[in-house]
Amino acid sequence: MNGTYPIWGEGLSREAYSRWNQGQMETAWGRGHLRRVALVEEGKVLASAKRYDFEGRLFGGPVGVLGIGAVFTPPEQRGCGHAAALIGAMSAEAEARGAGMALLFSEIGARYYEALGFRVLPREQVTIAVKPFTGSPAMLVRSGEPGDLPVIAEISARYADDAAFALERTPDLLAFGLARKRLLAGLGAPGVRQVEFFVAEEGMKAAAYVVMTRGPYGWALEDCGDRDPTGARIGAMLQVLSARAPAEPPLQLRGWLPDSLRPPQVRVDGQMPSKDVMMWRQLGAGRPTPETLAPVVYWPLDLF
């Protein structure tokens, strides 16, 4: 990881960066679905990457998904096609296991991966402003717990019903996303990042939830869901959380929301293309490749 640390170190120390990556692989989901892979010749690493094994839904049917992350070529090995060869080998191995789709996020733009057959999935990032509330918001909110995750997975699945593509968000995958964020906050400098996971109950179980993070660029809405199609509980929860600091302006967050989810207590002030370029490629000869893939349901908590 010496080569990847300057690129993806996230402001951590070198030791903390190693612990952050190891901690992800030691979660229940990481142990079974996350691997480091490399293209090696005569003991030399020519290129390396992370391999994520997801399950998803593509046009209503189940699909195995290869997630390709942290593609890295040592400087002295660049320009020789090693990264492309590694991605090709990963794709062939995933296809042999039955995967029908490869997914990655590019930090170098789209051109390189388009030459390998990947297509951009347009994604928008929105700015969410919580509307002021007169008086004290009447909503009981508590910290989320591991026991809430099965119910949260059920709530989250509702937003994928009409999507062209969405991940199957199991409780273990949700726990992995939370652990990734919490490890990053806990291993970094004190006060730089924080992670907050809250639920609202109805009938003794979670009826709505929000996951927020605060970092160098302010607050972000990483994930949310509500049994109420209007998202009214989400909005009420955000008003409660905003009211914790009455002397400060109402809460503003950057994030993403499905088109169908617009809680009445929030306002979407603007949107822009996401800085994370999401790209996909269908695997398998003879499979029909659609021209477009929309809408896509993919929460920031699931970014890899």
Protein backbone atom coordinates (compact mmCIF):
# COMPACT_ATOMS: atom_id res chain seq x y z
CA MET A 1 0.00 0.00 0.00
CA ASN A 2 3.02 2.29 -0.05
CA GLY A 3 2.23 3.41 -3.59
CA THR A 4 -1.49 3.95 -3.05
CA TYR A 5 -1.16 5.88 0.20
CA PRO A 6 -0.29 9.27 -1.38
CA ILE A 7 -3.35 8.97 -3.65
CA TRP A 8 -6.03 7.58 -1.34
CA GLY A 9 -4.60 8.34 2.11
CA GLU A 10 -7.60 10.56 3.06
CA GLY A 11 -5.38 12.64 5.35
CA LEU A 12 -4.53 9.64 7.55
CA SER A 13 -1.06 8.76 8.75
CA ARG A 14 0.66 5.94 6.90
CA GLU A 15 -0.03 3.54 9.80
CA ALA A 16 -3.66 4.65 10.13
CA TYR A 17 -4.18 4.18 6.39
CA SER A 18 -3.01 0.58 6.70
CA ARG A 19 -5.30 0.00 9.69
CA TRP A 20 -8.22 1.58 7.84
CA ASN A 21 -7.84 -0.83 4.92
CA GLN A 22 -7.26 -3.84 7.16
CA GLY A 23 -10.28 -2.95 9.28
CA GLN A 24 -12.54 -2.96 6.22
CA MET A 25 -11.34 -6.43 5.25
CA GLU A 26 -12.02 -7.73 8.76
CA THR A 27 -15.72 -6.84 8.76
CA ALA A 28 -18.23 -9.64 8.18
CA TRP A 29 -18.92 -8.42 4.64
CA GLY A 30 -15.29 -7.62 3.87
CA ARG A 31 -14.06 -11.09 4.81
CA GLY A 32 -16.23 -12.68 2.15
CA HIS A 33 -16.45 -9.99 -0.52
CA LEU A 34 -13.30 -7.84 -0.57
CA ARG A 35 -9.90 -8.90 -1.88
CA ARG A 36 -6.68 -7.23 -2.97
CA VAL A 37 -5.45 -8.49 -6.32
CA ALA A 38 -2.32 -7.82 -8.36
CA LEU A 39 -0.72 -8.56 -11.71
CA VAL A 40 2.74 -9.93 -10.88
CA GLU A 41 5.72 -10.88 -13.04
CA GLU A 42 8.94 -12.33 -11.61
CA GLY A 43 8.02 -11.07 -8.17
CA LYS A 44 7.30 -7.52 -9.34
CA VAL A 45 3.85 -5.95 -8.95
CA LEU A 46 2.85 -4.56 -12.35
CA ALA A 47 -0.59 -3.33 -11.28
CA SER A 48 -2.92 -3.79 -8.30
CA ALA A 49 -6.57 -3.22 -7.42
CA LYS A 50 -9.31 -4.05 -4.94
CA ARG A 51 -11.96 -6.60 -5.95
CA TYR A 52 -15.45 -6.24 -4.49
CA ASP A 53 -18.07 -8.95 -5.03
CA PHE A 54 -21.57 -7.46 -4.96
CA GLU A 55 -25.04 -8.68 -5.80
CA GLY A 56 -27.40 -6.34 -7.58
CA ARG A 57 -30.56 -5.94 -9.63
CA LEU A 58 -30.27 -5.12 -13.33
CA PHE A 59 -33.55 -4.36 -15.12
CA GLY A 60 -35.44 -6.29 -12.47
CA GLY A 61 -33.31 -9.42 -12.50
CA PRO A 62 -30.49 -10.53 -10.21
CA VAL A 63 -26.94 -9.83 -11.34
CA GLY A 64 -23.53 -10.53 -9.88
CA VAL A 65 -21.44 -7.37 -9.83
CA LEU A 66 -17.66 -7.06 -9.91
CA GLY A 67 -16.58 -3.87 -8.15
CA ILE A 68 -13.15 -2.63 -9.25
CA GLY A 69 -11.46 -0.18 -6.88
CA ALA A 70 -8.10 1.47 -6.25
CA VAL A 71 -6.56 0.54 -9.60
CA PHE A 72 -2.86 1.41 -9.30
CA THR A 73 0.21 0.98 -11.48
CA PRO A 74 3.67 1.72 -10.00
CA PRO A 75 5.24 4.71 -11.78
CA GLU A 76 8.04 2.63 -13.29
CA GLN A 77 5.49 0.23 -14.85
CA ARG A 78 3.15 2.77 -16.42
CA GLY A 79 2.44 2.97 -20.13
CA CYS A 80 2.69 -0.78 -20.66
CA GLY A 81 -0.98 -1.72 -20.46
CA HIS A 82 -0.69 -3.49 -17.09
CA ALA A 83 -3.79 -1.86 -15.54
CA ALA A 84 -5.88 -2.79 -18.58
CA ALA A 85 -4.56 -6.36 -18.39
CA LEU A 86 -5.44 -6.60 -14.70
CA ILE A 87 -8.95 -5.26 -15.27
CA GLY A 88 -9.38 -7.73 -18.11
CA ALA A 89 -8.26 -10.63 -15.92
CA MET A 90 -10.54 -9.53 -13.08
CA SER A 91 -13.48 -9.25 -15.47
CA ALA A 92 -12.83 -12.68 -17.01
CA GLU A 93 -12.58 -14.30 -13.57
CA ALA A 94 -15.80 -12.61 -12.40
CA GLU A 95 -17.60 -13.63 -15.58
CA ALA A 96 -16.48 -17.22 -15.05
CA ARG A 97 -18.09 -17.06 -11.60
CA GLY A 98 -21.34 -15.85 -13.16
CA ALA A 99 -21.08 -12.06 -12.71
CA GLY A 100 -22.89 -10.07 -15.37
CA MET A 101 -21.64 -6.56 -14.66
CA ALA A 102 -18.46 -4.67 -13.73
CA LEU A 103 -18.63 -1.38 -11.84
CA LEU A 104 -15.96 1.20 -10.96
CA PHE A 105 -15.51 4.82 -9.92
CA SER A 106 -12.93 6.83 -11.83
CA GLU A 107 -10.88 9.70 -10.44
CA ILE A 108 -9.10 10.26 -13.76
CA GLY A 109 -12.12 11.01 -15.91
CA ALA A 110 -13.93 8.67 -18.28
CA ARG A 111 -11.67 8.44 -21.32
CA TYR A 112 -9.28 5.71 -20.16
CA TYR A 113 -12.02 3.35 -18.98
CA GLU A 114 -14.24 4.05 -21.97
CA ALA A 115 -11.44 2.60 -24.10
CA LEU A 116 -11.87 -0.60 -22.04
CA GLY A 117 -15.60 -0.77 -22.78
CA PHE A 118 -16.98 1.04 -19.71
CA ARG A 119 -19.80 3.56 -19.92
CA VAL A 120 -20.52 6.53 -17.68
CA LEU A 121 -23.55 6.38 -15.41
CA PRO A 122 -24.59 10.02 -14.97
CA ARG A 123 -25.07 10.90 -11.32
CA GLU A 124 -26.05 14.16 -9.68
CA GLN A 125 -25.02 15.53 -6.32
CA VAL A 126 -27.59 17.75 -4.63
CA THR A 127 -27.39 20.41 -1.97
CA ILE A 128 -30.04 19.81 0.69
CA ALA A 129 -31.17 22.62 2.99
CA VAL A 130 -33.24 21.79 6.07
CA LYS A 131 -36.13 24.21 6.44
CA PRO A 132 -36.26 26.10 9.77
CA PHE A 133 -38.77 24.83 12.31
CA THR A 134 -40.65 27.14 14.66
CA GLY A 135 -40.51 25.77 18.18
CA SER A 136 -39.11 22.37 19.12
CA PRO A 137 -39.43 19.57 16.50
CA ALA A 138 -41.69 16.80 17.86
CA MET A 139 -39.79 13.68 16.79
CA LEU A 140 -38.05 11.09 18.94
CA VAL A 141 -34.69 10.16 17.44
CA ARG A 142 -32.19 7.65 18.76
CA SER A 143 -28.80 6.32 17.68
CA GLY A 144 -28.92 3.47 15.21
CA GLU A 145 -27.77 0.03 16.32
CA PRO A 146 -26.63 -3.15 14.53
CA GLY A 147 -30.02 -4.72 15.28
CA ASP A 148 -31.69 -2.04 13.13
CA LEU A 149 -29.84 -3.03 9.96
CA PRO A 150 -32.18 -5.85 8.78
CA VAL A 151 -35.15 -3.45 8.90
CA ILE A 152 -33.10 -0.68 7.27
CA ALA A 153 -32.15 -3.05 4.46
CA GLU A 154 -35.88 -3.65 3.85
CA ILE A 155 -36.61 0.09 3.82
CA SER A 156 -33.72 0.77 1.46
CA ALA A 157 -34.85 -1.92 -0.98
CA ARG A 158 -38.06 0.02 -1.66
CA TYR A 159 -36.13 2.70 -3.54
CA ALA A 160 -34.67 0.08 -5.88
CA ASP A 161 -38.04 -1.28 -7.05
CA ASP A 162 -38.20 0.79 -10.24
CA ALA A 163 -34.47 1.24 -10.81
CA ALA A 164 -32.61 -0.04 -13.86
CA PHE A 165 -29.72 -0.88 -11.53
CA ALA A 166 -29.28 -1.04 -7.76
CA LEU A 167 -27.16 -2.98 -5.31
CA GLU A 168 -28.66 -5.62 -3.05
CA ARG A 169 -28.05 -3.85 0.25
CA THR A 170 -27.83 -6.61 2.84
CA PRO A 171 -27.41 -5.86 6.55
CA ASP A 172 -23.74 -6.90 6.29
CA LEU A 173 -23.15 -4.55 3.36
CA LEU A 174 -24.75 -1.68 5.26
CA ALA A 175 -22.59 -2.51 8.28
CA PHE A 176 -19.52 -2.50 6.01
CA GLY A 177 -20.34 0.98 4.71
CA LEU A 178 -20.84 2.30 8.24
CA ALA A 179 -17.62 0.65 9.45
CA ARG A 180 -15.67 2.17 6.56
CA LYS A 181 -16.87 5.67 7.48
CA ARG A 182 -16.40 5.15 11.23
CA LEU A 183 -12.89 3.75 10.83
CA LEU A 184 -11.93 6.73 8.68
CA ALA A 185 -13.25 9.14 11.31
CA GLY A 186 -11.74 7.26 14.27
CA LEU A 187 -8.28 6.83 12.75
CA GLY A 188 -7.99 10.43 11.57
CA ALA A 189 -7.05 13.53 13.51
CA PRO A 190 -9.49 14.34 16.36
CA GLY A 191 -12.43 16.49 15.32
CA VAL A 192 -11.81 16.35 11.56
CA ARG A 193 -14.56 13.83 10.78
CA GLN A 194 -17.60 12.41 12.50
CA VAL A 195 -20.27 9.87 11.59
CA GLU A 196 -23.86 9.98 12.82
CA PHE A 197 -26.45 7.20 12.38
CA PHE A 198 -29.97 7.84 13.68
CA VAL A 199 -33.33 6.12 13.46
CA ALA A 200 -36.93 7.02 14.23
CA GLU A 201 -39.07 4.21 15.60
CA GLU A 202 -42.64 3.12 15.06
CA GLY A 203 -43.99 0.00 16.70
CA MET A 204 -40.67 -0.70 18.44
CA LYS A 205 -38.65 -0.90 15.24
CA ALA A 206 -36.96 1.51 12.86
CA ALA A 207 -39.35 3.33 10.54
CA ALA A 208 -36.85 5.82 9.12
CA TYR A 209 -33.11 6.41 9.30
CA VAL A 210 -30.39 8.85 8.29
CA VAL A 211 -26.61 8.47 8.06
CA MET A 212 -24.65 11.74 8.00
CA THR A 213 -20.96 12.54 8.03
CA ARG A 214 -19.08 15.73 8.74
CA GLY A 215 -15.70 16.26 7.17
CA PRO A 216 -13.43 18.95 5.75
CA TYR A 217 -16.14 20.05 3.29
CA GLY A 218 -19.06 20.14 5.72
CA TRP A 219 -22.00 17.82 6.26
CA ALA A 220 -22.94 15.05 3.84
CA LEU A 221 -26.06 12.90 3.70
CA GLU A 222 -24.66 9.43 3.11
CA ASP A 223 -27.88 7.40 3.26
CA CYS A 224 -31.48 7.67 4.37
CA GLY A 225 -34.79 5.88 4.09
CA ASP A 226 -38.37 6.05 5.28
CA ARG A 227 -41.36 3.70 5.28
CA ASP A 228 -43.42 6.80 4.46
CA PRO A 229 -43.11 7.35 0.67
CA THR A 230 -43.06 11.13 1.21
CA GLY A 231 -39.97 10.91 3.39
CA ALA A 232 -41.65 13.04 6.04
CA ARG A 233 -39.90 11.21 8.90
CA ILE A 234 -36.51 11.80 7.27
CA GLY A 235 -37.27 15.50 7.04
CA ALA A 236 -38.46 15.64 10.65
CA MET A 237 -35.31 13.82 11.81
CA LEU A 238 -33.11 16.30 9.95
CA GLN A 239 -35.00 19.18 11.59
CA VAL A 240 -34.37 17.61 15.02
CA LEU A 241 -30.67 17.22 14.24
CA SER A 242 -30.46 20.76 12.90
CA ALA A 243 -32.12 22.09 16.07
CA ARG A 244 -29.25 20.74 18.21
CA ALA A 245 -27.34 23.92 17.39
CA PRO A 246 -30.00 26.68 17.54
CA ALA A 247 -27.40 29.44 17.29
CA GLU A 248 -26.16 28.14 13.94
CA PRO A 249 -27.87 28.40 10.53
CA PRO A 250 -30.18 25.52 9.53
CA LEU A 251 -28.37 22.38 8.47
CA GLN A 252 -27.14 22.08 4.89
CA LEU A 253 -25.87 18.82 3.45
CA ARG A 254 -24.48 17.62 0.14
CA GLY A 255 -25.59 14.20 -1.00
CA TRP A 256 -27.93 12.30 -3.29
CA LEU A 257 -31.63 11.51 -3.23
CA PRO A 258 -33.78 9.30 -5.48
CA ASP A 259 -36.06 11.40 -7.66
CA SER A 260 -39.05 9.98 -5.79
CA LEU A 261 -37.78 11.11 -2.38
CA ARG A 262 -38.28 14.79 -1.49
CA PRO A 263 -39.09 15.18 2.22
CA PRO A 264 -41.37 18.21 2.72
CA GLN A 265 -39.09 19.62 5.44
CA VAL A 266 -36.08 20.01 3.15
CA ARG A 267 -35.31 22.03 0.05
CA VAL A 268 -33.03 20.98 -2.80
CA ASP A 269 -31.10 24.17 -3.53
CA GLY A 270 -28.99 22.95 -6.41
CA GLN A 271 -27.40 20.02 -8.13
CA MET A 272 -24.24 19.29 -10.06
CA PRO A 273 -22.55 16.24 -11.58
CA SER A 274 -21.04 14.01 -8.90
CA LYS A 275 -17.25 14.23 -8.59
CA ASP A 276 -17.16 10.43 -8.45
CA VAL A 277 -17.46 9.24 -12.08
CA MET A 278 -19.46 6.02 -11.92
CA MET A 279 -18.85 3.62 -14.83
CA TRP A 280 -20.13 0.19 -15.78
CA ARG A 281 -19.62 -2.58 -18.31
CA GLN A 282 -21.80 -5.57 -18.96
CA LEU A 283 -19.96 -8.90 -18.81
CA GLY A 284 -20.63 -11.99 -20.88
CA ALA A 285 -20.59 -12.56 -24.62
CA GLY A 286 -24.03 -12.56 -26.17
CA ARG A 287 -25.65 -10.55 -23.40
CA PRO A 288 -27.70 -7.61 -24.69
CA THR A 289 -26.01 -4.34 -23.74
CA PRO A 290 -28.54 -1.53 -23.19
CA GLU A 291 -27.76 1.92 -24.52
CA THR A 292 -28.78 3.58 -21.27
CA LEU A 293 -28.98 2.53 -17.66
CA ALA A 294 -31.34 4.77 -15.73
CA PRO A 295 -32.47 5.37 -13.14
CA VAL A 296 -29.68 4.06 -10.93
CA VAL A 297 -30.04 3.84 -7.15
CA TYR A 298 -26.64 4.10 -5.48
CA TRP A 299 -26.11 5.78 -2.12
CA PRO A 300 -22.93 7.63 -1.15
CA LEU A 301 -22.51 5.20 1.77
CA ASP A 302 -21.84 2.46 -0.82
CA LEU A 303 -19.03 4.26 -2.67
CA PHE A 304 -15.91 2.13 -2.81
